[in-house]
Amino acid sequence: MARLHSKKHGRSGSKRPPTKAVPEWTEFSAPEVEEIVMKLGKEGAAPALIGQTLRDQYGVPSVRNLTGKTLTTILKEGGMKITYPHDLLSLINRAVNVRKHLKENRADTHNRVKLGHIESKIRRLARYYTKSGELPKGWKYDPDTAALLVK
C-alpha cells in the first residue's frame, strides 16, 4: 500500500505483537506499568515516547494488552491533561519548520508543494479529532498561530 503524498512503498519498522495475550516473560504487572506510565508522563514525555520506552527499556510489548487500557486513557485517569493529540502536534511542528525554511528559500517549489500536503493532513486530522471530541468544536488550523502552539 502506498503512503499518502509520497512515493515510498516500504513497510519497514516495528511490528505490533501478533496476539492479544500477554506473554509469560513479561516481568511487570498492570499496576506497575501504570505507575511507570504516570512517572514518564509527569516527566513530560509524549505518549509515543512512553510506549517506545516501555518497549525498549522495560520489555513491555503492549500496554493495551497488559493493562486493558491505552496509554492516553491511563494518563487521563491519572490526572494528566493532554491538550492536543501528539500526532497532530508533530504535523504542526513539521509545517512550522517547512514555513520557516520557505521564508529563507523562496525558490524551493518542491517543499512548497509538500507544505500543502502536510497542511492537508493537519486539516484532515483536525476534522477527525473535532468529531471525536478531542479538539473543541470549530477548531481550525491557522499557520500564524501554529508557531505559538508548538513552542
Protein backbone atom coordinates (compact mmCIF):
# COMPACT_ATOMS: atom_id res chain seq x y z
CA MET A 1 0.00 0.00 0.00
CA ALA A 2 1.47 3.36 -1.00
CA ARG A 3 1.80 6.14 1.53
CA LEU A 4 -0.31 9.26 1.19
CA HIS A 5 1.57 12.11 -0.55
CA SER A 6 4.82 10.19 -1.03
CA LYS A 7 6.45 7.84 -3.49
CA LYS A 8 7.52 5.37 -0.81
CA HIS A 9 6.17 1.85 -0.66
CA GLY A 10 8.19 0.34 2.20
CA ARG A 11 6.75 -1.23 5.31
CA SER A 12 9.84 -1.40 7.49
CA GLY A 13 9.54 -0.56 11.16
CA SER A 14 8.49 -2.25 14.36
CA LYS A 15 5.50 -4.54 14.28
CA ARG A 16 2.77 -4.98 16.88
CA PRO A 17 2.66 -8.25 18.82
CA PRO A 18 0.65 -10.77 16.78
CA THR A 19 -1.58 -11.95 19.64
CA LYS A 20 -3.66 -10.11 22.23
CA ALA A 21 -2.44 -12.42 25.01
CA VAL A 22 0.14 -11.14 27.49
CA PRO A 23 3.39 -13.13 27.13
CA GLU A 24 4.53 -15.05 30.22
CA TRP A 25 8.02 -13.49 30.02
CA THR A 26 6.65 -10.03 30.86
CA GLU A 27 8.13 -9.00 34.22
CA PHE A 28 5.67 -6.24 35.13
CA SER A 29 2.07 -6.35 36.29
CA ALA A 30 -0.64 -3.94 35.15
CA PRO A 31 -0.42 -1.61 38.21
CA GLU A 32 3.37 -1.43 37.89
CA VAL A 33 3.10 -0.47 34.23
CA GLU A 34 0.51 2.20 35.07
CA GLU A 35 2.90 3.66 37.67
CA ILE A 36 5.73 3.77 35.11
CA VAL A 37 3.43 5.42 32.56
CA MET A 38 2.40 8.10 35.08
CA LYS A 39 6.03 8.68 36.11
CA LEU A 40 7.12 9.15 32.50
CA GLY A 41 4.07 11.31 31.79
CA LYS A 42 4.91 13.64 34.69
CA GLU A 43 8.42 13.99 33.29
CA GLY A 44 6.82 15.41 30.14
CA ALA A 45 7.24 12.51 27.73
CA ALA A 46 4.76 12.19 24.87
CA PRO A 47 2.58 9.04 24.72
CA ALA A 48 4.50 7.68 21.71
CA LEU A 49 7.80 8.12 23.55
CA ILE A 50 6.37 6.47 26.67
CA GLY A 51 5.32 3.43 24.64
CA GLN A 52 8.70 3.24 22.98
CA THR A 53 10.49 3.50 26.34
CA LEU A 54 8.30 0.77 27.83
CA ARG A 55 9.03 -1.47 24.86
CA ASP A 56 12.78 -0.88 24.69
CA GLN A 57 13.82 -0.43 28.34
CA TYR A 58 11.18 -2.31 30.32
CA GLY A 59 10.29 -5.13 27.90
CA VAL A 60 6.56 -4.38 27.77
CA PRO A 61 5.36 -5.41 24.29
CA SER A 62 1.92 -3.77 24.51
CA VAL A 63 0.50 -1.57 27.25
CA ARG A 64 -3.03 -2.12 25.99
CA ASN A 65 -2.77 -5.91 26.10
CA LEU A 66 -1.22 -5.85 29.58
CA THR A 67 -3.47 -3.28 31.28
CA GLY A 68 -6.59 -3.35 29.14
CA LYS A 69 -6.30 0.44 28.65
CA THR A 70 -4.49 2.66 26.19
CA LEU A 71 -1.63 4.93 27.22
CA THR A 72 -3.68 8.08 26.80
CA THR A 73 -6.50 6.59 28.90
CA ILE A 74 -4.05 5.82 31.70
CA LEU A 75 -2.65 9.34 31.53
CA LYS A 76 -6.13 10.92 31.57
CA GLU A 77 -7.20 8.76 34.53
CA GLY A 78 -4.04 9.81 36.37
CA GLY A 79 -4.93 13.47 36.01
CA MET A 80 -2.57 14.34 33.15
CA LYS A 81 -4.17 16.83 30.78
CA ILE A 82 -3.49 16.18 27.10
CA THR A 83 -4.49 19.36 25.26
CA TYR A 84 -3.64 18.30 21.71
CA PRO A 85 -3.05 14.83 20.24
CA HIS A 86 0.62 14.05 19.69
CA ASP A 87 0.32 13.16 16.01
CA LEU A 88 -1.39 16.47 15.28
CA LEU A 89 1.27 18.41 17.18
CA SER A 90 4.10 16.71 15.31
CA LEU A 91 2.47 17.53 11.95
CA ILE A 92 2.02 21.16 13.03
CA ASN A 93 5.67 21.25 14.07
CA ARG A 94 6.69 19.96 10.63
CA ALA A 95 4.55 22.60 8.92
CA VAL A 96 6.09 25.37 11.04
CA ASN A 97 9.61 24.17 10.19
CA VAL A 98 8.82 23.98 6.46
CA ARG A 99 7.33 27.51 6.55
CA LYS A 100 10.50 28.79 8.22
CA HIS A 101 12.57 27.03 5.54
CA LEU A 102 10.46 28.55 2.75
CA LYS A 103 10.96 32.06 4.10
CA GLU A 104 14.70 31.64 3.59
CA ASN A 105 14.47 29.61 0.35
CA ARG A 106 11.69 31.13 -1.73
CA ALA A 107 12.55 29.19 -4.89
CA ASP A 108 12.10 25.78 -3.24
CA THR A 109 8.97 24.72 -5.11
CA HIS A 110 9.21 21.09 -4.05
CA ASN A 111 8.86 21.92 -0.39
CA ARG A 112 6.13 24.46 -1.15
CA VAL A 113 4.07 21.59 -2.60
CA LYS A 114 4.95 19.34 0.35
CA LEU A 115 3.80 22.06 2.75
CA GLY A 116 0.38 21.85 1.12
CA HIS A 117 0.40 18.09 1.68
CA ILE A 118 1.35 18.46 5.34
CA GLU A 119 -1.34 21.07 5.91
CA SER A 120 -3.98 18.93 4.23
CA LYS A 121 -3.05 16.11 6.63
CA ILE A 122 -3.40 18.54 9.53
CA ARG A 123 -6.85 19.64 8.39
CA ARG A 124 -7.93 16.02 7.88
CA LEU A 125 -6.73 15.03 11.36
CA ALA A 126 -8.32 18.13 12.91
CA ARG A 127 -11.65 17.20 11.35
CA TYR A 128 -11.37 13.71 12.85
CA TYR A 129 -10.41 14.99 16.31
CA THR A 130 -13.19 17.59 16.41
CA LYS A 131 -15.74 14.90 15.51
CA SER A 132 -14.38 12.55 18.19
CA GLY A 133 -14.37 15.34 20.79
CA GLU A 134 -10.63 15.55 21.45
CA LEU A 135 -10.45 19.05 19.97
CA PRO A 136 -13.02 21.78 20.67
CA LYS A 137 -15.80 22.30 18.13
CA GLY A 138 -14.86 24.82 15.47
CA TRP A 139 -11.08 24.37 15.96
CA LYS A 140 -9.29 25.37 12.77
CA TYR A 141 -5.66 25.17 11.77
CA ASP A 142 -4.14 28.62 11.35
CA PRO A 143 -0.49 28.80 10.21
CA ASP A 144 0.11 32.04 12.12
CA THR A 145 -1.00 30.68 15.48
CA ALA A 146 0.54 27.25 14.82
CA ALA A 147 4.03 28.52 15.61
CA LEU A 148 2.80 29.67 19.02
CA LEU A 149 1.08 26.33 19.61
CA VAL A 150 4.24 24.28 19.01
CA LYS A 151 6.52 26.39 21.24
